[in-house]
N, C-alpha and C. Protein backbone atom coordinates (compact mmCIF):
# COMPACT_ATOMS: atom_id res chain seq x y z
N UNK A 1 -104.51 -87.19 109.43
CA UNK A 1 -104.98 -88.23 110.32
C UNK A 1 -106.48 -88.04 110.51
N UNK A 2 -107.23 -89.12 110.40
CA UNK A 2 -108.68 -89.04 110.55
C UNK A 2 -109.06 -88.92 112.02
N UNK A 3 -110.31 -88.53 112.25
CA UNK A 3 -110.80 -88.42 113.63
C UNK A 3 -110.78 -89.77 114.33
N UNK A 4 -111.13 -90.83 113.61
CA UNK A 4 -111.16 -92.15 114.21
C UNK A 4 -109.76 -92.59 114.64
N UNK A 5 -108.77 -92.38 113.78
CA UNK A 5 -107.40 -92.74 114.14
C UNK A 5 -106.93 -91.93 115.34
N UNK A 6 -107.27 -90.66 115.38
CA UNK A 6 -106.90 -89.82 116.52
C UNK A 6 -107.52 -90.34 117.81
N UNK A 7 -108.80 -90.71 117.74
CA UNK A 7 -109.47 -91.23 118.93
C UNK A 7 -108.86 -92.55 119.38
N UNK A 8 -108.51 -93.40 118.44
CA UNK A 8 -107.89 -94.67 118.80
C UNK A 8 -106.55 -94.43 119.50
N UNK A 9 -105.75 -93.51 118.97
CA UNK A 9 -104.48 -93.20 119.61
C UNK A 9 -104.69 -92.60 121.01
N UNK A 10 -105.67 -91.73 121.15
CA UNK A 10 -105.97 -91.17 122.47
C UNK A 10 -106.50 -92.24 123.42
N UNK A 11 -107.24 -93.21 122.90
CA UNK A 11 -107.70 -94.32 123.74
C UNK A 11 -106.53 -95.16 124.22
N UNK A 12 -105.54 -95.37 123.37
CA UNK A 12 -104.34 -96.11 123.78
C UNK A 12 -103.58 -95.33 124.85
N UNK A 13 -103.55 -94.02 124.73
CA UNK A 13 -102.87 -93.17 125.72
C UNK A 13 -103.56 -93.17 127.07
N UNK A 14 -104.79 -93.64 127.13
CA UNK A 14 -105.50 -93.70 128.41
C UNK A 14 -104.75 -94.55 129.43
N UNK A 15 -104.12 -95.62 128.99
CA UNK A 15 -103.42 -96.51 129.92
C UNK A 15 -102.25 -95.79 130.59
N UNK A 16 -101.30 -95.21 129.84
CA UNK A 16 -100.21 -94.52 130.55
C UNK A 16 -100.69 -93.30 131.34
N UNK A 17 -101.70 -92.59 130.85
CA UNK A 17 -102.22 -91.45 131.60
C UNK A 17 -102.82 -91.90 132.93
N UNK A 18 -103.49 -93.03 132.92
CA UNK A 18 -104.07 -93.55 134.15
C UNK A 18 -103.00 -93.94 135.14
N UNK A 19 -101.93 -94.55 134.66
CA UNK A 19 -100.82 -94.92 135.55
C UNK A 19 -100.18 -93.66 136.13
N UNK A 20 -100.00 -92.65 135.28
CA UNK A 20 -99.41 -91.39 135.75
C UNK A 20 -100.30 -90.75 136.82
N UNK A 21 -101.60 -90.91 136.70
CA UNK A 21 -102.51 -90.36 137.70
C UNK A 21 -102.56 -91.23 138.94
N UNK A 22 -102.64 -92.54 138.77
CA UNK A 22 -102.81 -93.46 139.89
C UNK A 22 -101.63 -93.46 140.85
N UNK A 23 -100.42 -93.50 140.35
CA UNK A 23 -99.25 -93.66 141.22
C UNK A 23 -99.09 -92.46 142.16
N UNK A 24 -99.03 -91.22 141.67
CA UNK A 24 -98.90 -90.09 142.61
C UNK A 24 -100.12 -89.96 143.54
N UNK A 25 -101.30 -90.25 142.98
CA UNK A 25 -102.51 -90.17 143.79
C UNK A 25 -102.45 -91.19 144.93
N UNK A 26 -101.99 -92.39 144.61
CA UNK A 26 -101.85 -93.42 145.64
C UNK A 26 -100.84 -93.04 146.71
N UNK A 27 -99.73 -92.43 146.30
CA UNK A 27 -98.70 -92.02 147.26
C UNK A 27 -99.24 -90.93 148.19
N UNK A 28 -99.89 -89.93 147.61
CA UNK A 28 -100.41 -88.81 148.41
C UNK A 28 -101.49 -89.30 149.37
N UNK A 29 -102.41 -90.12 148.86
CA UNK A 29 -103.50 -90.58 149.71
C UNK A 29 -103.03 -91.54 150.79
N UNK A 30 -102.03 -92.38 150.48
CA UNK A 30 -101.55 -93.34 151.48
C UNK A 30 -100.83 -92.64 152.64
N UNK A 31 -100.32 -91.43 152.42
CA UNK A 31 -99.69 -90.67 153.49
C UNK A 31 -100.72 -90.03 154.42
N UNK A 32 -101.93 -89.81 153.92
CA UNK A 32 -102.94 -89.10 154.69
C UNK A 32 -104.05 -89.98 155.25
N UNK A 33 -104.27 -91.15 154.64
CA UNK A 33 -105.39 -92.01 155.03
C UNK A 33 -104.91 -93.42 155.33
N UNK A 34 -105.70 -94.19 156.06
CA UNK A 34 -105.38 -95.62 156.19
C UNK A 34 -105.39 -96.27 154.81
N UNK A 35 -104.62 -97.33 154.65
CA UNK A 35 -104.39 -97.90 153.32
C UNK A 35 -105.67 -98.34 152.61
N UNK A 36 -106.64 -98.89 153.35
CA UNK A 36 -107.90 -99.31 152.70
C UNK A 36 -108.62 -98.11 152.07
N UNK A 37 -108.69 -97.03 152.83
CA UNK A 37 -109.37 -95.83 152.32
C UNK A 37 -108.56 -95.16 151.20
N UNK A 38 -107.25 -95.21 151.31
CA UNK A 38 -106.41 -94.63 150.26
C UNK A 38 -106.64 -95.35 148.93
N UNK A 39 -106.69 -96.67 148.97
CA UNK A 39 -106.93 -97.45 147.74
C UNK A 39 -108.33 -97.17 147.19
N UNK A 40 -109.30 -97.12 148.10
CA UNK A 40 -110.68 -96.85 147.67
C UNK A 40 -110.79 -95.48 147.00
N UNK A 41 -110.22 -94.44 147.62
CA UNK A 41 -110.27 -93.10 147.03
C UNK A 41 -109.44 -93.00 145.76
N UNK A 42 -108.36 -93.76 145.71
CA UNK A 42 -107.55 -93.78 144.50
C UNK A 42 -108.38 -94.32 143.33
N UNK A 43 -109.17 -95.38 143.59
CA UNK A 43 -110.03 -95.92 142.54
C UNK A 43 -111.18 -94.97 142.20
N UNK A 44 -111.71 -94.29 143.19
CA UNK A 44 -112.81 -93.35 142.91
C UNK A 44 -112.32 -92.22 142.01
N UNK A 45 -111.20 -91.60 142.38
CA UNK A 45 -110.67 -90.50 141.55
C UNK A 45 -110.15 -91.00 140.20
N UNK A 46 -109.36 -92.05 140.24
CA UNK A 46 -108.81 -92.60 138.99
C UNK A 46 -109.88 -93.15 138.07
N UNK A 47 -110.83 -93.88 138.65
CA UNK A 47 -111.92 -94.43 137.85
C UNK A 47 -112.80 -93.34 137.24
N UNK A 48 -113.05 -92.29 138.02
CA UNK A 48 -113.83 -91.16 137.49
C UNK A 48 -113.10 -90.50 136.32
N UNK A 49 -111.79 -90.35 136.46
CA UNK A 49 -111.00 -89.79 135.36
C UNK A 49 -111.12 -90.67 134.12
N UNK A 50 -110.99 -91.98 134.28
CA UNK A 50 -111.04 -92.90 133.15
C UNK A 50 -112.41 -92.86 132.48
N UNK A 51 -113.48 -92.89 133.27
CA UNK A 51 -114.83 -92.86 132.70
C UNK A 51 -115.09 -91.55 131.97
N UNK A 52 -114.71 -90.43 132.58
CA UNK A 52 -114.93 -89.13 131.93
C UNK A 52 -114.08 -88.97 130.67
N UNK A 53 -112.85 -89.44 130.72
CA UNK A 53 -111.97 -89.41 129.54
C UNK A 53 -112.58 -90.23 128.42
N UNK A 54 -113.05 -91.44 128.75
CA UNK A 54 -113.63 -92.35 127.77
C UNK A 54 -114.90 -91.75 127.15
N UNK A 55 -115.74 -91.16 127.99
CA UNK A 55 -116.96 -90.51 127.48
C UNK A 55 -116.62 -89.32 126.59
N UNK A 56 -115.68 -88.49 127.02
CA UNK A 56 -115.29 -87.33 126.22
C UNK A 56 -114.70 -87.75 124.88
N UNK A 57 -113.99 -88.86 124.89
CA UNK A 57 -113.34 -89.34 123.68
C UNK A 57 -114.34 -89.88 122.66
N UNK A 58 -115.35 -90.59 123.11
CA UNK A 58 -116.22 -91.33 122.19
C UNK A 58 -117.65 -90.81 122.11
N UNK A 59 -118.06 -89.84 122.92
CA UNK A 59 -119.47 -89.48 122.97
C UNK A 59 -120.02 -88.97 121.63
N UNK A 60 -119.22 -88.33 120.83
CA UNK A 60 -119.74 -87.80 119.55
C UNK A 60 -119.87 -88.87 118.47
N UNK A 61 -119.18 -89.98 118.63
CA UNK A 61 -119.25 -91.02 117.61
C UNK A 61 -120.28 -92.09 117.95
N UNK A 62 -120.95 -91.95 119.09
CA UNK A 62 -121.95 -92.92 119.51
C UNK A 62 -123.33 -92.35 119.22
N UNK A 63 -124.20 -93.18 118.64
CA UNK A 63 -125.59 -92.78 118.43
C UNK A 63 -126.33 -93.04 119.74
N UNK A 64 -126.62 -92.00 120.50
CA UNK A 64 -127.17 -92.13 121.83
C UNK A 64 -128.68 -92.30 121.79
N UNK A 65 -129.11 -93.52 121.58
CA UNK A 65 -130.54 -93.84 121.64
C UNK A 65 -130.94 -93.97 123.11
N UNK A 66 -132.22 -93.98 123.36
CA UNK A 66 -132.70 -94.17 124.73
C UNK A 66 -132.24 -95.50 125.31
N UNK A 67 -132.29 -96.54 124.48
CA UNK A 67 -131.84 -97.86 124.92
C UNK A 67 -130.37 -97.84 125.29
N UNK A 68 -129.56 -97.20 124.45
CA UNK A 68 -128.11 -97.18 124.69
C UNK A 68 -127.78 -96.37 125.95
N UNK A 69 -128.47 -95.27 126.17
CA UNK A 69 -128.24 -94.49 127.40
C UNK A 69 -128.60 -95.31 128.63
N UNK A 70 -129.76 -95.94 128.59
CA UNK A 70 -130.20 -96.74 129.73
C UNK A 70 -129.28 -97.91 130.00
N UNK A 71 -128.86 -98.59 128.95
CA UNK A 71 -127.96 -99.73 129.13
C UNK A 71 -126.59 -99.29 129.62
N UNK A 72 -126.14 -98.11 129.22
CA UNK A 72 -124.86 -97.60 129.70
C UNK A 72 -124.92 -97.33 131.20
N UNK A 73 -126.00 -96.70 131.65
CA UNK A 73 -126.17 -96.47 133.09
C UNK A 73 -126.29 -97.78 133.85
N UNK A 74 -127.07 -98.70 133.31
CA UNK A 74 -127.23 -100.00 133.94
C UNK A 74 -125.90 -100.76 133.99
N UNK A 75 -125.12 -100.65 132.92
CA UNK A 75 -123.81 -101.31 132.88
C UNK A 75 -122.87 -100.71 133.91
N UNK A 76 -122.92 -99.39 134.09
CA UNK A 76 -122.09 -98.76 135.12
C UNK A 76 -122.43 -99.27 136.51
N UNK A 77 -123.71 -99.37 136.80
CA UNK A 77 -124.13 -99.90 138.10
C UNK A 77 -123.71 -101.37 138.22
N UNK A 78 -123.89 -102.12 137.14
CA UNK A 78 -123.49 -103.53 137.15
C UNK A 78 -122.00 -103.72 137.39
N UNK A 79 -121.19 -102.83 136.80
CA UNK A 79 -119.73 -102.90 137.01
C UNK A 79 -119.39 -102.62 138.47
N UNK A 80 -120.05 -101.63 139.06
CA UNK A 80 -119.82 -101.33 140.47
C UNK A 80 -120.20 -102.51 141.36
N UNK A 81 -121.33 -103.14 141.05
CA UNK A 81 -121.78 -104.30 141.83
C UNK A 81 -120.79 -105.46 141.67
N UNK A 82 -120.33 -105.70 140.45
CA UNK A 82 -119.37 -106.78 140.21
C UNK A 82 -118.07 -106.53 140.95
N UNK A 83 -117.58 -105.29 140.93
CA UNK A 83 -116.35 -104.96 141.66
C UNK A 83 -116.52 -105.11 143.16
N UNK A 84 -117.67 -104.66 143.68
CA UNK A 84 -117.92 -104.81 145.12
C UNK A 84 -118.02 -106.28 145.50
N UNK A 85 -118.67 -107.07 144.65
CA UNK A 85 -118.79 -108.51 144.94
C UNK A 85 -117.43 -109.18 144.95
N UNK A 86 -116.58 -108.86 143.98
CA UNK A 86 -115.24 -109.43 143.96
C UNK A 86 -114.45 -108.99 145.18
N UNK A 87 -114.54 -107.72 145.54
CA UNK A 87 -113.84 -107.21 146.71
C UNK A 87 -114.29 -107.91 147.99
N UNK A 88 -115.59 -108.08 148.15
CA UNK A 88 -116.10 -108.78 149.34
C UNK A 88 -115.65 -110.23 149.36
N UNK A 89 -115.73 -110.88 148.23
CA UNK A 89 -115.32 -112.28 148.15
C UNK A 89 -113.83 -112.42 148.50
N UNK A 90 -113.01 -111.56 147.93
CA UNK A 90 -111.57 -111.64 148.20
C UNK A 90 -111.24 -111.28 149.65
N UNK A 91 -111.97 -110.34 150.23
CA UNK A 91 -111.68 -109.97 151.61
C UNK A 91 -112.01 -111.10 152.58
N UNK A 92 -112.97 -111.94 152.22
CA UNK A 92 -113.30 -113.10 153.05
C UNK A 92 -112.32 -114.24 152.80
N UNK A 93 -111.93 -114.45 151.53
CA UNK A 93 -111.12 -115.61 151.17
C UNK A 93 -109.62 -115.40 151.33
N UNK A 94 -109.14 -114.17 151.26
CA UNK A 94 -107.70 -113.91 151.34
C UNK A 94 -107.37 -113.36 152.72
N UNK A 95 -106.46 -114.01 153.42
CA UNK A 95 -106.16 -113.58 154.80
C UNK A 95 -105.16 -112.43 154.89
N UNK A 96 -104.84 -111.73 153.79
CA UNK A 96 -103.81 -110.70 153.79
C UNK A 96 -104.35 -109.30 154.05
N UNK A 97 -105.52 -109.17 154.54
CA UNK A 97 -106.09 -107.85 154.77
C UNK A 97 -107.01 -107.45 153.63
N UNK A 98 -107.53 -106.26 153.75
CA UNK A 98 -108.52 -105.80 152.78
C UNK A 98 -107.92 -105.08 151.58
N UNK A 99 -106.66 -104.69 151.64
CA UNK A 99 -106.05 -103.91 150.57
C UNK A 99 -106.08 -104.61 149.21
N UNK A 100 -105.66 -105.89 149.11
CA UNK A 100 -105.73 -106.55 147.79
C UNK A 100 -107.16 -106.69 147.27
N UNK A 101 -108.09 -106.92 148.18
CA UNK A 101 -109.49 -107.07 147.78
C UNK A 101 -110.04 -105.76 147.22
N UNK A 102 -109.76 -104.67 147.90
CA UNK A 102 -110.24 -103.35 147.43
C UNK A 102 -109.57 -102.99 146.11
N UNK A 103 -108.29 -103.26 146.01
CA UNK A 103 -107.57 -102.94 144.78
C UNK A 103 -108.13 -103.74 143.59
N UNK A 104 -108.29 -105.05 143.76
CA UNK A 104 -108.79 -105.89 142.66
C UNK A 104 -110.24 -105.58 142.31
N UNK A 105 -111.06 -105.31 143.32
CA UNK A 105 -112.46 -104.95 143.06
C UNK A 105 -112.56 -103.65 142.25
N UNK A 106 -111.77 -102.65 142.63
CA UNK A 106 -111.77 -101.38 141.89
C UNK A 106 -111.23 -101.53 140.49
N UNK A 107 -110.20 -102.35 140.35
CA UNK A 107 -109.64 -102.60 139.02
C UNK A 107 -110.66 -103.30 138.12
N UNK A 108 -111.41 -104.25 138.70
CA UNK A 108 -112.43 -104.94 137.91
C UNK A 108 -113.50 -103.96 137.42
N UNK A 109 -113.92 -103.03 138.26
CA UNK A 109 -114.93 -102.05 137.86
C UNK A 109 -114.47 -101.29 136.62
N UNK A 110 -113.23 -100.82 136.64
CA UNK A 110 -112.73 -100.00 135.54
C UNK A 110 -112.58 -100.81 134.26
N UNK A 111 -111.96 -101.96 134.35
CA UNK A 111 -111.74 -102.79 133.15
C UNK A 111 -113.08 -103.26 132.58
N UNK A 112 -113.98 -103.68 133.46
CA UNK A 112 -115.29 -104.14 133.00
C UNK A 112 -116.06 -103.00 132.33
N UNK A 113 -115.97 -101.79 132.88
CA UNK A 113 -116.64 -100.63 132.28
C UNK A 113 -116.14 -100.39 130.86
N UNK A 114 -114.83 -100.44 130.66
CA UNK A 114 -114.27 -100.19 129.34
C UNK A 114 -114.75 -101.24 128.34
N UNK A 115 -114.75 -102.51 128.74
CA UNK A 115 -115.19 -103.59 127.84
C UNK A 115 -116.67 -103.46 127.53
N UNK A 116 -117.49 -103.26 128.54
CA UNK A 116 -118.94 -103.18 128.34
C UNK A 116 -119.31 -101.96 127.50
N UNK A 117 -118.65 -100.83 127.74
CA UNK A 117 -118.97 -99.64 126.95
C UNK A 117 -118.62 -99.83 125.48
N UNK A 118 -117.52 -100.52 125.21
CA UNK A 118 -117.18 -100.80 123.80
C UNK A 118 -118.28 -101.65 123.16
N UNK A 119 -118.75 -102.65 123.87
CA UNK A 119 -119.79 -103.52 123.31
C UNK A 119 -121.12 -102.79 123.15
N UNK A 120 -121.46 -101.94 124.08
CA UNK A 120 -122.75 -101.23 124.01
C UNK A 120 -122.73 -100.09 123.00
N UNK A 121 -121.60 -99.44 122.83
CA UNK A 121 -121.54 -98.24 122.00
C UNK A 121 -121.20 -98.51 120.54
N UNK A 122 -120.87 -99.74 120.18
CA UNK A 122 -120.48 -99.99 118.80
C UNK A 122 -121.68 -99.82 117.87
N UNK A 123 -121.39 -99.42 116.66
CA UNK A 123 -122.40 -99.13 115.65
C UNK A 123 -122.99 -100.44 115.12
N UNK A 124 -124.31 -100.52 115.06
CA UNK A 124 -124.96 -101.70 114.49
C UNK A 124 -124.95 -101.58 112.97
N UNK A 125 -125.24 -102.69 112.31
CA UNK A 125 -125.29 -102.68 110.85
C UNK A 125 -126.36 -101.73 110.34
N UNK A 126 -127.51 -101.69 111.00
CA UNK A 126 -128.58 -100.79 110.59
C UNK A 126 -128.18 -99.33 110.78
N UNK A 127 -127.50 -99.02 111.87
CA UNK A 127 -127.04 -97.64 112.10
C UNK A 127 -126.01 -97.23 111.05
N UNK A 128 -125.12 -98.16 110.69
CA UNK A 128 -124.11 -97.86 109.67
C UNK A 128 -124.78 -97.61 108.32
N UNK A 129 -125.74 -98.47 107.97
CA UNK A 129 -126.44 -98.30 106.70
C UNK A 129 -127.17 -96.95 106.65
N UNK A 130 -127.81 -96.59 107.75
CA UNK A 130 -128.52 -95.30 107.79
C UNK A 130 -127.54 -94.13 107.71
N UNK A 131 -126.38 -94.25 108.37
CA UNK A 131 -125.37 -93.20 108.30
C UNK A 131 -124.88 -93.02 106.87
N UNK A 132 -124.66 -94.13 106.17
CA UNK A 132 -124.19 -94.05 104.78
C UNK A 132 -125.28 -93.46 103.89
N UNK A 133 -126.53 -93.85 104.12
CA UNK A 133 -127.64 -93.29 103.34
C UNK A 133 -127.75 -91.79 103.55
N UNK A 134 -127.63 -91.34 104.80
CA UNK A 134 -127.74 -89.91 105.09
C UNK A 134 -126.58 -89.12 104.48
N UNK A 135 -125.44 -89.77 104.33
CA UNK A 135 -124.29 -89.11 103.70
C UNK A 135 -124.44 -89.07 102.19
N UNK A 136 -125.49 -89.68 101.67
CA UNK A 136 -125.74 -89.64 100.24
C UNK A 136 -125.18 -90.83 99.48
N UNK A 137 -124.67 -91.80 100.18
CA UNK A 137 -124.11 -92.98 99.52
C UNK A 137 -125.13 -94.08 99.36
N UNK A 138 -124.86 -94.94 98.41
CA UNK A 138 -125.71 -96.10 98.20
C UNK A 138 -125.24 -97.23 99.12
N UNK A 139 -126.18 -97.96 99.65
CA UNK A 139 -125.86 -99.09 100.51
C UNK A 139 -126.20 -100.36 99.75
N UNK A 140 -125.29 -101.31 99.74
CA UNK A 140 -125.44 -102.55 99.00
C UNK A 140 -125.37 -103.71 99.98
N UNK A 141 -126.47 -104.47 100.09
CA UNK A 141 -126.53 -105.59 101.01
C UNK A 141 -126.49 -106.91 100.25
N UNK A 142 -125.92 -107.94 100.90
CA UNK A 142 -125.91 -109.28 100.33
C UNK A 142 -127.35 -109.80 100.30
N UNK A 143 -127.83 -110.26 99.14
CA UNK A 143 -129.20 -110.76 99.06
C UNK A 143 -129.42 -112.03 99.89
N UNK A 144 -128.35 -112.75 100.17
CA UNK A 144 -128.50 -114.02 100.89
C UNK A 144 -128.48 -113.82 102.41
N UNK A 145 -127.47 -113.10 102.95
CA UNK A 145 -127.33 -113.00 104.41
C UNK A 145 -127.56 -111.60 104.95
N UNK A 146 -127.64 -110.58 104.10
CA UNK A 146 -127.88 -109.22 104.55
C UNK A 146 -126.64 -108.45 104.94
N UNK A 147 -125.45 -109.01 104.71
CA UNK A 147 -124.19 -108.34 105.05
C UNK A 147 -124.05 -107.06 104.22
N UNK A 148 -123.56 -106.00 104.83
CA UNK A 148 -123.37 -104.73 104.15
C UNK A 148 -122.12 -104.85 103.26
N UNK A 149 -122.32 -104.86 101.95
CA UNK A 149 -121.23 -105.03 100.99
C UNK A 149 -120.77 -103.70 100.40
N UNK A 150 -121.20 -102.59 100.97
CA UNK A 150 -120.83 -101.27 100.47
C UNK A 150 -119.32 -101.10 100.49
N UNK A 151 -118.76 -100.70 99.38
CA UNK A 151 -117.34 -100.40 99.30
C UNK A 151 -116.45 -101.58 98.94
N UNK A 152 -117.03 -102.76 98.75
CA UNK A 152 -116.22 -103.92 98.39
C UNK A 152 -115.82 -103.83 96.92
N UNK A 153 -114.71 -104.47 96.58
CA UNK A 153 -114.20 -104.43 95.21
C UNK A 153 -114.60 -105.65 94.40
N UNK A 154 -115.28 -106.58 95.02
CA UNK A 154 -115.74 -107.76 94.28
C UNK A 154 -117.18 -108.05 94.68
N UNK A 155 -117.83 -108.90 93.91
CA UNK A 155 -119.24 -109.18 94.15
C UNK A 155 -119.42 -110.49 94.93
N UNK A 156 -118.44 -110.86 95.73
CA UNK A 156 -118.55 -112.02 96.61
C UNK A 156 -118.73 -111.50 98.03
N UNK A 157 -119.72 -112.04 98.73
CA UNK A 157 -119.98 -111.62 100.10
C UNK A 157 -118.92 -112.23 101.03
N UNK A 158 -118.22 -111.42 101.80
CA UNK A 158 -117.21 -111.96 102.71
C UNK A 158 -117.82 -112.68 103.90
N UNK A 159 -119.09 -112.45 104.17
CA UNK A 159 -119.75 -113.07 105.31
C UNK A 159 -120.20 -114.50 105.00
N UNK A 160 -120.93 -114.68 103.92
CA UNK A 160 -121.46 -116.02 103.60
C UNK A 160 -120.73 -116.69 102.44
N UNK A 161 -119.91 -115.93 101.69
CA UNK A 161 -119.12 -116.51 100.62
C UNK A 161 -119.82 -116.65 99.28
N UNK A 162 -121.07 -116.24 99.20
CA UNK A 162 -121.83 -116.37 97.97
C UNK A 162 -121.34 -115.36 96.93
N UNK A 163 -121.20 -115.85 95.69
CA UNK A 163 -120.80 -114.96 94.59
C UNK A 163 -122.05 -114.54 93.82
N UNK A 164 -122.05 -113.29 93.40
CA UNK A 164 -123.17 -112.73 92.65
C UNK A 164 -122.64 -112.05 91.41
N UNK A 165 -123.50 -111.96 90.42
CA UNK A 165 -123.20 -111.08 89.29
C UNK A 165 -123.67 -109.68 89.70
N UNK A 166 -123.19 -108.70 88.98
CA UNK A 166 -123.64 -107.34 89.29
C UNK A 166 -125.14 -107.20 89.05
N UNK A 167 -125.65 -107.88 88.02
CA UNK A 167 -127.09 -107.83 87.75
C UNK A 167 -127.88 -108.38 88.93
N UNK A 168 -127.41 -109.50 89.53
CA UNK A 168 -128.11 -110.07 90.67
C UNK A 168 -128.10 -109.11 91.86
N UNK A 169 -126.97 -108.48 92.12
CA UNK A 169 -126.89 -107.55 93.24
C UNK A 169 -127.80 -106.34 93.04
N UNK A 170 -127.77 -105.75 91.84
CA UNK A 170 -128.62 -104.59 91.59
C UNK A 170 -130.10 -104.96 91.60
N UNK A 171 -130.44 -106.13 91.10
CA UNK A 171 -131.84 -106.56 91.13
C UNK A 171 -132.31 -106.76 92.56
N UNK A 172 -131.47 -107.34 93.40
CA UNK A 172 -131.85 -107.56 94.80
C UNK A 172 -132.01 -106.23 95.52
N UNK A 173 -131.14 -105.26 95.24
CA UNK A 173 -131.24 -103.95 95.88
C UNK A 173 -132.49 -103.22 95.42
N UNK A 174 -132.78 -103.34 94.13
CA UNK A 174 -133.98 -102.71 93.59
C UNK A 174 -135.23 -103.32 94.23
N UNK A 175 -135.23 -104.63 94.37
CA UNK A 175 -136.38 -105.32 94.96
C UNK A 175 -136.54 -104.92 96.43
N UNK A 176 -135.44 -104.85 97.20
CA UNK A 176 -135.56 -104.45 98.61
C UNK A 176 -135.98 -102.99 98.73
N UNK A 177 -135.56 -102.14 97.80
CA UNK A 177 -136.00 -100.75 97.79
C UNK A 177 -137.49 -100.64 97.54
N UNK A 178 -138.01 -101.47 96.64
CA UNK A 178 -139.46 -101.48 96.39
C UNK A 178 -140.21 -101.98 97.62
N UNK A 179 -139.68 -103.01 98.29
CA UNK A 179 -140.34 -103.53 99.49
C UNK A 179 -140.38 -102.48 100.59
N UNK A 180 -139.28 -101.73 100.76
CA UNK A 180 -139.26 -100.68 101.77
C UNK A 180 -140.28 -99.59 101.45
N UNK A 181 -140.50 -99.33 100.16
CA UNK A 181 -141.46 -98.30 99.77
C UNK A 181 -142.90 -98.80 99.82
N UNK A 182 -143.08 -100.11 100.08
CA UNK A 182 -144.43 -100.67 100.18
C UNK A 182 -144.98 -101.16 98.86
N UNK A 183 -144.17 -101.22 97.81
CA UNK A 183 -144.62 -101.69 96.51
C UNK A 183 -144.50 -103.22 96.51
N UNK A 184 -145.60 -103.96 96.21
CA UNK A 184 -145.52 -105.42 96.19
C UNK A 184 -144.62 -105.89 95.03
N UNK A 185 -143.81 -106.89 95.31
CA UNK A 185 -142.94 -107.50 94.30
C UNK A 185 -143.39 -108.92 94.09
N UNK A 186 -142.75 -109.59 93.12
CA UNK A 186 -143.13 -110.97 92.81
C UNK A 186 -142.96 -111.88 94.02
N UNK A 187 -141.87 -111.72 94.77
CA UNK A 187 -141.60 -112.60 95.89
C UNK A 187 -142.59 -112.39 97.04
N UNK A 188 -143.08 -111.16 97.25
CA UNK A 188 -143.97 -110.91 98.38
C UNK A 188 -145.40 -111.27 98.07
N UNK A 189 -145.78 -111.44 96.79
CA UNK A 189 -147.16 -111.77 96.46
C UNK A 189 -147.40 -113.26 96.39
N UNK A 190 -146.35 -114.07 96.46
CA UNK A 190 -146.53 -115.53 96.39
C UNK A 190 -146.99 -116.09 97.70
């Protein structure tokens, strides 16, 4: 089993593990605290577990640039603000007390964090190309749209649908390699 498959399976296990943590935690806290505070602390402990689990699971596979670190912190604060806003809105609009509002606000923070972190931490095409280059592999891009065609079994780009001969693909790669090295080509001198 590859590392990626293992991480995906562990990510799927996050849901039942969270339920196993949340239910007993909620029972214990509700016996000791008023219900609003019990729900709030349940989300603080449970949410912290989820965030730390998620970070531990994926931190080695993410290229942590300065931008990505800053956006991750900003996204965490944004998720907290969104959850608090939903909780406040629901506490004003729903006449059933504060418990549903606190519960839904905390749930929004956690779900939003997971979605935003997936979007922020995913590998860009340039990062993938650089990773393949560093591993010693050749990277093959579509001359028309720039799609990474490395590892494909045919010379048709799945992104734009354009078909190429092998000569066209190799010529385009050679030309882009010369451009990266600063050597003028026919297309750049026109």
